[in-house]
Full PDB file with SEQRES, HELIX, SHEET, SSBOND, CRYST1, ORIGX, SCALE, CONECT and MASTER records, all heavy atoms in Angstrom:
SEQRES   1 A   29  SER THR PHE ALA PRO PRO MET ASN LEU SER GLU ILE LEU          
SEQRES   2 A   29  PHE GLU ILE LYS VAL ALA GLY TYR ILE PRO ILE LEU ALA          
SEQRES   3 A   29  HIS PRO GLU                                                  
HELIX    1 AA1 LEU A    9  VAL A   18  1                                  10    
CRYST1    1.000    1.000    1.000  90.00  90.00  90.00 P 1           1          
ORIGX1      1.000000  0.000000  0.000000        0.00000                         
ORIGX2      0.000000  1.000000  0.000000        0.00000                         
ORIGX3      0.000000  0.000000  1.000000        0.00000                         
SCALE1      1.000000  0.000000  0.000000        0.00000                         
SCALE2      0.000000  1.000000  0.000000        0.00000                         
SCALE3      0.000000  0.000000  1.000000        0.00000                         
ATOM      1  N   SER A   1    -154.830 143.134  57.214  1.00  0.00           N  
ATOM      2  CA  SER A   1    -155.834 144.054  57.724  1.00  0.00           C  
ATOM      3  C   SER A   1    -156.957 144.179  56.693  1.00  0.00           C  
ATOM      4  O   SER A   1    -156.727 144.069  55.488  1.00  0.00           O  
ATOM      5  CB  SER A   1    -155.206 145.428  57.976  1.00  0.00           C  
ATOM      6  OG  SER A   1    -156.201 146.416  58.117  1.00  0.00           O  
ATOM      7  N   THR A   2    -158.173 144.409  57.174  1.00  0.00           N  
ATOM      8  CA  THR A   2    -159.286 144.609  56.251  1.00  0.00           C  
ATOM      9  C   THR A   2    -159.279 145.999  55.630  1.00  0.00           C  
ATOM     10  O   THR A   2    -160.093 146.290  54.747  1.00  0.00           O  
ATOM     11  CB  THR A   2    -160.629 144.395  56.972  1.00  0.00           C  
ATOM     12  OG1 THR A   2    -160.692 145.270  58.104  1.00  0.00           O  
ATOM     13  CG2 THR A   2    -160.778 142.949  57.429  1.00  0.00           C  
ATOM     14  N   PHE A   3    -158.349 146.848  56.076  1.00  0.00           N  
ATOM     15  CA  PHE A   3    -158.298 148.219  55.562  1.00  0.00           C  
ATOM     16  C   PHE A   3    -157.312 148.396  54.415  1.00  0.00           C  
ATOM     17  O   PHE A   3    -157.550 149.170  53.495  1.00  0.00           O  
ATOM     18  CB  PHE A   3    -157.938 149.192  56.695  1.00  0.00           C  
ATOM     19  CG  PHE A   3    -158.909 149.173  57.830  1.00  0.00           C  
ATOM     20  CD1 PHE A   3    -158.586 148.579  59.038  1.00  0.00           C  
ATOM     21  CD2 PHE A   3    -160.168 149.735  57.694  1.00  0.00           C  
ATOM     22  CE1 PHE A   3    -159.483 148.549  60.088  1.00  0.00           C  
ATOM     23  CE2 PHE A   3    -161.081 149.726  58.738  1.00  0.00           C  
ATOM     24  CZ  PHE A   3    -160.739 149.125  59.942  1.00  0.00           C  
ATOM     25  N   ALA A   4    -156.196 147.662  54.478  1.00  0.00           N  
ATOM     26  CA  ALA A   4    -155.170 147.816  53.438  1.00  0.00           C  
ATOM     27  C   ALA A   4    -154.156 146.682  53.575  1.00  0.00           C  
ATOM     28  O   ALA A   4    -153.949 146.159  54.673  1.00  0.00           O  
ATOM     29  CB  ALA A   4    -154.458 149.168  53.566  1.00  0.00           C  
ATOM     30  N   PRO A   5    -153.521 146.310  52.469  1.00  0.00           N  
ATOM     31  CA  PRO A   5    -152.479 145.282  52.560  1.00  0.00           C  
ATOM     32  C   PRO A   5    -151.236 145.849  53.223  1.00  0.00           C  
ATOM     33  O   PRO A   5    -151.052 147.069  53.287  1.00  0.00           O  
ATOM     34  CB  PRO A   5    -152.212 144.943  51.088  1.00  0.00           C  
ATOM     35  CG  PRO A   5    -152.569 146.187  50.341  1.00  0.00           C  
ATOM     36  CD  PRO A   5    -153.712 146.794  51.088  1.00  0.00           C  
ATOM     37  N   PRO A   6    -150.361 145.002  53.744  1.00  0.00           N  
ATOM     38  CA  PRO A   6    -149.115 145.495  54.344  1.00  0.00           C  
ATOM     39  C   PRO A   6    -148.277 146.245  53.309  1.00  0.00           C  
ATOM     40  O   PRO A   6    -148.169 145.810  52.161  1.00  0.00           O  
ATOM     41  CB  PRO A   6    -148.409 144.213  54.790  1.00  0.00           C  
ATOM     42  CG  PRO A   6    -149.459 143.165  54.838  1.00  0.00           C  
ATOM     43  CD  PRO A   6    -150.467 143.531  53.807  1.00  0.00           C  
ATOM     44  N   MET A   7    -147.686 147.350  53.725  1.00  0.00           N  
ATOM     45  CA  MET A   7    -146.848 148.114  52.800  1.00  0.00           C  
ATOM     46  C   MET A   7    -145.620 147.313  52.375  1.00  0.00           C  
ATOM     47  O   MET A   7    -145.110 147.485  51.271  1.00  0.00           O  
ATOM     48  CB  MET A   7    -146.421 149.435  53.453  1.00  0.00           C  
ATOM     49  CG  MET A   7    -147.560 150.395  53.721  1.00  0.00           C  
ATOM     50  SD  MET A   7    -147.000 151.959  54.435  1.00  0.00           S  
ATOM     51  CE  MET A   7    -145.959 152.594  53.104  1.00  0.00           C  
ATOM     52  N   ASN A   8    -145.161 146.433  53.258  1.00  0.00           N  
ATOM     53  CA  ASN A   8    -143.974 145.627  52.970  1.00  0.00           C  
ATOM     54  C   ASN A   8    -144.350 144.183  52.660  1.00  0.00           C  
ATOM     55  O   ASN A   8    -143.642 143.243  53.047  1.00  0.00           O  
ATOM     56  CB  ASN A   8    -143.006 145.682  54.145  1.00  0.00           C  
ATOM     57  CG  ASN A   8    -143.628 145.163  55.443  1.00  0.00           C  
ATOM     58  OD1 ASN A   8    -144.855 145.146  55.594  1.00  0.00           O  
ATOM     59  ND2 ASN A   8    -142.790 144.742  56.381  1.00  0.00           N  
ATOM     60  N   LEU A   9    -145.457 143.982  51.970  1.00  0.00           N  
ATOM     61  CA  LEU A   9    -145.957 142.637  51.704  1.00  0.00           C  
ATOM     62  C   LEU A   9    -144.917 141.775  50.984  1.00  0.00           C  
ATOM     63  O   LEU A   9    -144.716 140.610  51.329  1.00  0.00           O  
ATOM     64  CB  LEU A   9    -147.243 142.706  50.880  1.00  0.00           C  
ATOM     65  CG  LEU A   9    -147.889 141.354  50.535  1.00  0.00           C  
ATOM     66  CD1 LEU A   9    -148.229 140.572  51.797  1.00  0.00           C  
ATOM     67  CD2 LEU A   9    -149.141 141.570  49.679  1.00  0.00           C  
ATOM     68  N   SER A  10    -144.258 142.320  50.007  1.00  0.00           N  
ATOM     69  CA  SER A  10    -143.253 141.546  49.260  1.00  0.00           C  
ATOM     70  C   SER A  10    -142.113 141.100  50.163  1.00  0.00           C  
ATOM     71  O   SER A  10    -141.630 139.961  50.062  1.00  0.00           O  
ATOM     72  CB  SER A  10    -142.698 142.378  48.098  1.00  0.00           C  
ATOM     73  OG  SER A  10    -143.709 142.672  47.165  1.00  0.00           O  
ATOM     74  N   GLU A  11    -141.709 142.000  51.078  1.00  0.00           N  
ATOM     75  CA  GLU A  11    -140.635 141.662  52.011  1.00  0.00           C  
ATOM     76  C   GLU A  11    -141.066 140.552  52.971  1.00  0.00           C  
ATOM     77  O   GLU A  11    -140.297 139.630  53.253  1.00  0.00           O  
ATOM     78  CB  GLU A  11    -140.220 142.910  52.789  1.00  0.00           C  
ATOM     79  CG  GLU A  11    -139.050 142.694  53.742  1.00  0.00           C  
ATOM     80  CD  GLU A  11    -138.674 143.958  54.491  1.00  0.00           C  
ATOM     81  OE1 GLU A  11    -139.273 145.023  54.215  1.00  0.00           O  
ATOM     82  OE2 GLU A  11    -137.788 143.867  55.365  1.00  0.00           O  
ATOM     83  N   ILE A  12    -142.299 140.649  53.461  1.00  0.00           N  
ATOM     84  CA  ILE A  12    -142.818 139.621  54.365  1.00  0.00           C  
ATOM     85  C   ILE A  12    -142.896 138.280  53.654  1.00  0.00           C  
ATOM     86  O   ILE A  12    -142.497 137.238  54.198  1.00  0.00           O  
ATOM     87  CB  ILE A  12    -144.204 140.031  54.910  1.00  0.00           C  
ATOM     88  CG1 ILE A  12    -144.080 141.238  55.835  1.00  0.00           C  
ATOM     89  CG2 ILE A  12    -144.853 138.862  55.658  1.00  0.00           C  
ATOM     90  CD1 ILE A  12    -145.411 141.783  56.308  1.00  0.00           C  
ATOM     91  N   LEU A  13    -143.396 138.283  52.431  1.00  0.00           N  
ATOM     92  CA  LEU A  13    -143.500 137.049  51.675  1.00  0.00           C  
ATOM     93  C   LEU A  13    -142.124 136.435  51.446  1.00  0.00           C  
ATOM     94  O   LEU A  13    -141.950 135.210  51.546  1.00  0.00           O  
ATOM     95  CB  LEU A  13    -144.196 137.299  50.336  1.00  0.00           C  
ATOM     96  CG  LEU A  13    -144.347 136.084  49.413  1.00  0.00           C  
ATOM     97  CD1 LEU A  13    -145.126 134.968  50.103  1.00  0.00           C  
ATOM     98  CD2 LEU A  13    -145.031 136.488  48.108  1.00  0.00           C  
ATOM     99  N   PHE A  14    -141.140 137.270  51.186  1.00  0.00           N  
ATOM    100  CA  PHE A  14    -139.773 136.778  51.002  1.00  0.00           C  
ATOM    101  C   PHE A  14    -139.286 136.074  52.267  1.00  0.00           C  
ATOM    102  O   PHE A  14    -138.713 134.982  52.202  1.00  0.00           O  
ATOM    103  CB  PHE A  14    -138.842 137.940  50.648  1.00  0.00           C  
ATOM    104  CG  PHE A  14    -137.389 137.558  50.555  1.00  0.00           C  
ATOM    105  CD1 PHE A  14    -136.896 136.907  49.432  1.00  0.00           C  
ATOM    106  CD2 PHE A  14    -136.512 137.836  51.601  1.00  0.00           C  
ATOM    107  CE1 PHE A  14    -135.560 136.537  49.353  1.00  0.00           C  
ATOM    108  CE2 PHE A  14    -135.172 137.475  51.531  1.00  0.00           C  
ATOM    109  CZ  PHE A  14    -134.695 136.828  50.403  1.00  0.00           C  
ATOM    110  N   GLU A  15    -139.528 136.685  53.431  1.00  0.00           N  
ATOM    111  CA  GLU A  15    -139.088 136.087  54.693  1.00  0.00           C  
ATOM    112  C   GLU A  15    -139.825 134.777  54.979  1.00  0.00           C  
ATOM    113  O   GLU A  15    -139.242 133.838  55.535  1.00  0.00           O  
ATOM    114  CB  GLU A  15    -139.290 137.072  55.843  1.00  0.00           C  
ATOM    115  CG  GLU A  15    -138.420 138.309  55.778  1.00  0.00           C  
ATOM    116  CD  GLU A  15    -136.926 137.992  55.883  1.00  0.00           C  
ATOM    117  OE1 GLU A  15    -136.582 136.916  56.430  1.00  0.00           O  
ATOM    118  OE2 GLU A  15    -136.118 138.819  55.416  1.00  0.00           O  
ATOM    119  N   ILE A  16    -141.097 134.723  54.621  1.00  0.00           N  
ATOM    120  CA  ILE A  16    -141.858 133.486  54.799  1.00  0.00           C  
ATOM    121  C   ILE A  16    -141.224 132.356  53.994  1.00  0.00           C  
ATOM    122  O   ILE A  16    -141.022 131.238  54.491  1.00  0.00           O  
ATOM    123  CB  ILE A  16    -143.329 133.689  54.354  1.00  0.00           C  
ATOM    124  CG1 ILE A  16    -144.062 134.612  55.334  1.00  0.00           C  
ATOM    125  CG2 ILE A  16    -144.052 132.349  54.258  1.00  0.00           C  
ATOM    126  CD1 ILE A  16    -145.458 135.004  54.881  1.00  0.00           C  
ATOM    127  N   LYS A  17    -140.888 132.655  52.758  1.00  0.00           N  
ATOM    128  CA  LYS A  17    -140.304 131.634  51.889  1.00  0.00           C  
ATOM    129  C   LYS A  17    -138.911 131.229  52.357  1.00  0.00           C  
ATOM    130  O   LYS A  17    -138.557 130.042  52.346  1.00  0.00           O  
ATOM    131  CB  LYS A  17    -140.262 132.142  50.448  1.00  0.00           C  
ATOM    132  CG  LYS A  17    -141.635 132.286  49.804  1.00  0.00           C  
ATOM    133  CD  LYS A  17    -141.506 132.803  48.371  1.00  0.00           C  
ATOM    134  CE  LYS A  17    -142.842 132.869  47.679  1.00  0.00           C  
ATOM    135  NZ  LYS A  17    -142.727 133.378  46.293  1.00  0.00           N  
ATOM    136  N   VAL A  18    -138.113 132.219  52.773  1.00  0.00           N  
ATOM    137  CA  VAL A  18    -136.767 131.919  53.263  1.00  0.00           C  
ATOM    138  C   VAL A  18    -136.835 131.000  54.483  1.00  0.00           C  
ATOM    139  O   VAL A  18    -135.987 130.109  54.657  1.00  0.00           O  
ATOM    140  CB  VAL A  18    -136.002 133.218  53.601  1.00  0.00           C  
ATOM    141  CG1 VAL A  18    -134.736 132.920  54.397  1.00  0.00           C  
ATOM    142  CG2 VAL A  18    -135.656 133.966  52.325  1.00  0.00           C  
ATOM    143  N   ALA A  19    -137.839 131.212  55.323  1.00  0.00           N  
ATOM    144  CA  ALA A  19    -138.002 130.387  56.523  1.00  0.00           C  
ATOM    145  C   ALA A  19    -138.547 128.996  56.194  1.00  0.00           C  
ATOM    146  O   ALA A  19    -138.638 128.146  57.080  1.00  0.00           O  
ATOM    147  CB  ALA A  19    -138.929 131.086  57.511  1.00  0.00           C  
ATOM    148  N   GLY A  20    -138.920 128.777  54.943  1.00  0.00           N  
ATOM    149  CA  GLY A  20    -139.358 127.457  54.514  1.00  0.00           C  
ATOM    150  C   GLY A  20    -140.843 127.198  54.626  1.00  0.00           C  
ATOM    151  O   GLY A  20    -141.279 126.043  54.537  1.00  0.00           O  
ATOM    152  N   TYR A  21    -141.635 128.256  54.793  1.00  0.00           N  
ATOM    153  CA  TYR A  21    -143.076 128.094  54.947  1.00  0.00           C  
ATOM    154  C   TYR A  21    -143.830 128.374  53.648  1.00  0.00           C  
ATOM    155  O   TYR A  21    -143.353 129.114  52.779  1.00  0.00           O  
ATOM    156  CB  TYR A  21    -143.608 129.025  56.034  1.00  0.00           C  
ATOM    157  CG  TYR A  21    -143.092 128.706  57.420  1.00  0.00           C  
ATOM    158  CD1 TYR A  21    -142.237 129.578  58.078  1.00  0.00           C  
ATOM    159  CD2 TYR A  21    -143.455 127.529  58.067  1.00  0.00           C  
ATOM    160  CE1 TYR A  21    -141.755 129.292  59.347  1.00  0.00           C  
ATOM    161  CE2 TYR A  21    -142.978 127.236  59.340  1.00  0.00           C  
ATOM    162  CZ  TYR A  21    -142.137 128.118  59.968  1.00  0.00           C  
ATOM    163  OH  TYR A  21    -141.660 127.821  61.221  1.00  0.00           O  
ATOM    164  N   ILE A  22    -145.002 127.783  53.546  1.00  0.00           N  
ATOM    165  CA  ILE A  22    -145.930 128.051  52.448  1.00  0.00           C  
ATOM    166  C   ILE A  22    -147.098 128.843  53.019  1.00  0.00           C  
ATOM    167  O   ILE A  22    -147.831 128.329  53.872  1.00  0.00           O  
ATOM    168  CB  ILE A  22    -146.438 126.750  51.814  1.00  0.00           C  
ATOM    169  CG1 ILE A  22    -145.278 125.936  51.243  1.00  0.00           C  
ATOM    170  CG2 ILE A  22    -147.468 127.054  50.721  1.00  0.00           C  
ATOM    171  CD1 ILE A  22    -145.683 124.561  50.753  1.00  0.00           C  
ATOM    172  N   PRO A  23    -147.310 130.093  52.586  1.00  0.00           N  
ATOM    173  CA  PRO A  23    -148.381 130.911  53.173  1.00  0.00           C  
ATOM    174  C   PRO A  23    -149.740 130.629  52.548  1.00  0.00           C  
ATOM    175  O   PRO A  23    -149.898 130.610  51.329  1.00  0.00           O  
ATOM    176  CB  PRO A  23    -147.926 132.335  52.857  1.00  0.00           C  
ATOM    177  CG  PRO A  23    -147.168 132.200  51.568  1.00  0.00           C  
ATOM    178  CD  PRO A  23    -146.488 130.858  51.626  1.00  0.00           C  
ATOM    179  N   ILE A  24    -150.710 130.402  53.413  1.00  0.00           N  
ATOM    180  CA  ILE A  24    -152.103 130.301  52.992  1.00  0.00           C  
ATOM    181  C   ILE A  24    -152.804 131.578  53.438  1.00  0.00           C  
ATOM    182  O   ILE A  24    -152.880 131.858  54.634  1.00  0.00           O  
ATOM    183  CB  ILE A  24    -152.794 129.080  53.624  1.00  0.00           C  
ATOM    184  CG1 ILE A  24    -152.058 127.789  53.243  1.00  0.00           C  
ATOM    185  CG2 ILE A  24    -154.259 129.011  53.195  1.00  0.00           C  
ATOM    186  CD1 ILE A  24    -152.599 126.558  53.957  1.00  0.00           C  
ATOM    187  N   LEU A  25    -153.297 132.344  52.493  1.00  0.00           N  
ATOM    188  CA  LEU A  25    -153.960 133.606  52.820  1.00  0.00           C  
ATOM    189  C   LEU A  25    -155.403 133.336  53.220  1.00  0.00           C  
ATOM    190  O   LEU A  25    -156.193 132.798  52.435  1.00  0.00           O  
ATOM    191  CB  LEU A  25    -153.914 134.562  51.627  1.00  0.00           C  
ATOM    192  CG  LEU A  25    -154.528 135.947  51.858  1.00  0.00           C  
ATOM    193  CD1 LEU A  25    -153.786 136.706  52.957  1.00  0.00           C  
ATOM    194  CD2 LEU A  25    -154.530 136.756  50.566  1.00  0.00           C  
ATOM    195  N   ALA A  26    -155.732 133.696  54.457  1.00  0.00           N  
ATOM    196  CA  ALA A  26    -157.091 133.495  54.961  1.00  0.00           C  
ATOM    197  C   ALA A  26    -158.066 134.438  54.261  1.00  0.00           C  
ATOM    198  O   ALA A  26    -157.756 135.598  54.001  1.00  0.00           O  
ATOM    199  CB  ALA A  26    -157.133 133.733  56.471  1.00  0.00           C  
ATOM    200  N   HIS A  27    -159.222 133.896  53.950  1.00  0.00           N  
ATOM    201  CA  HIS A  27    -160.374 134.621  53.381  1.00  0.00           C  
ATOM    202  C   HIS A  27    -160.005 135.762  52.425  1.00  0.00           C  
ATOM    203  O   HIS A  27    -160.329 136.929  52.699  1.00  0.00           O  
ATOM    204  CB  HIS A  27    -161.293 135.135  54.481  1.00  0.00           C  
ATOM    205  CG  HIS A  27    -160.620 135.749  55.666  1.00  0.00           C  
ATOM    206  ND1 HIS A  27    -159.878 136.900  55.602  1.00  0.00           N  
ATOM    207  CD2 HIS A  27    -160.594 135.369  56.971  1.00  0.00           C  
ATOM    208  CE1 HIS A  27    -159.432 137.210  56.802  1.00  0.00           C  
ATOM    209  NE2 HIS A  27    -159.848 136.285  57.643  1.00  0.00           N  
ATOM    210  N   PRO A  28    -159.336 135.498  51.315  1.00  0.00           N  
ATOM    211  CA  PRO A  28    -158.984 136.568  50.375  1.00  0.00           C  
ATOM    212  C   PRO A  28    -160.207 137.304  49.831  1.00  0.00           C  
ATOM    213  O   PRO A  28    -160.115 138.486  49.471  1.00  0.00           O  
ATOM    214  CB  PRO A  28    -158.240 135.828  49.253  1.00  0.00           C  
ATOM    215  CG  PRO A  28    -158.712 134.415  49.346  1.00  0.00           C  
ATOM    216  CD  PRO A  28    -158.933 134.169  50.809  1.00  0.00           C  
ATOM    217  N   GLU A  29    -161.344 136.621  49.791  1.00  0.00           N  
ATOM    218  CA  GLU A  29    -162.561 137.239  49.263  1.00  0.00           C  
ATOM    219  C   GLU A  29    -163.047 138.398  50.118  1.00  0.00           C  
ATOM    220  O   GLU A  29    -163.854 139.225  49.657  1.00  0.00           O  
ATOM    221  CB  GLU A  29    -163.670 136.186  49.137  1.00  0.00           C  
ATOM    222  CG  GLU A  29    -164.264 135.686  50.436  1.00  0.00           C  
ATOM    223  CD  GLU A  29    -163.432 134.610  51.144  1.00  0.00           C  
ATOM    224  OE1 GLU A  29    -162.353 134.243  50.626  1.00  0.00           O  
ATOM    225  OE2 GLU A  29    -163.879 134.146  52.216  1.00  0.00           O  
TER     226      GLU A  29                                                      
MASTER        0    0    0    1    0    0    0    6  225    1    0    3          
END                                                                             
């Protein structure tokens, strides 16, 4: 969201990695 990062960002990232994916963060700037 452009308003705030996910409160459970670390948990989401963990699930992404467990599922075998590499996350590309769109437009971090």
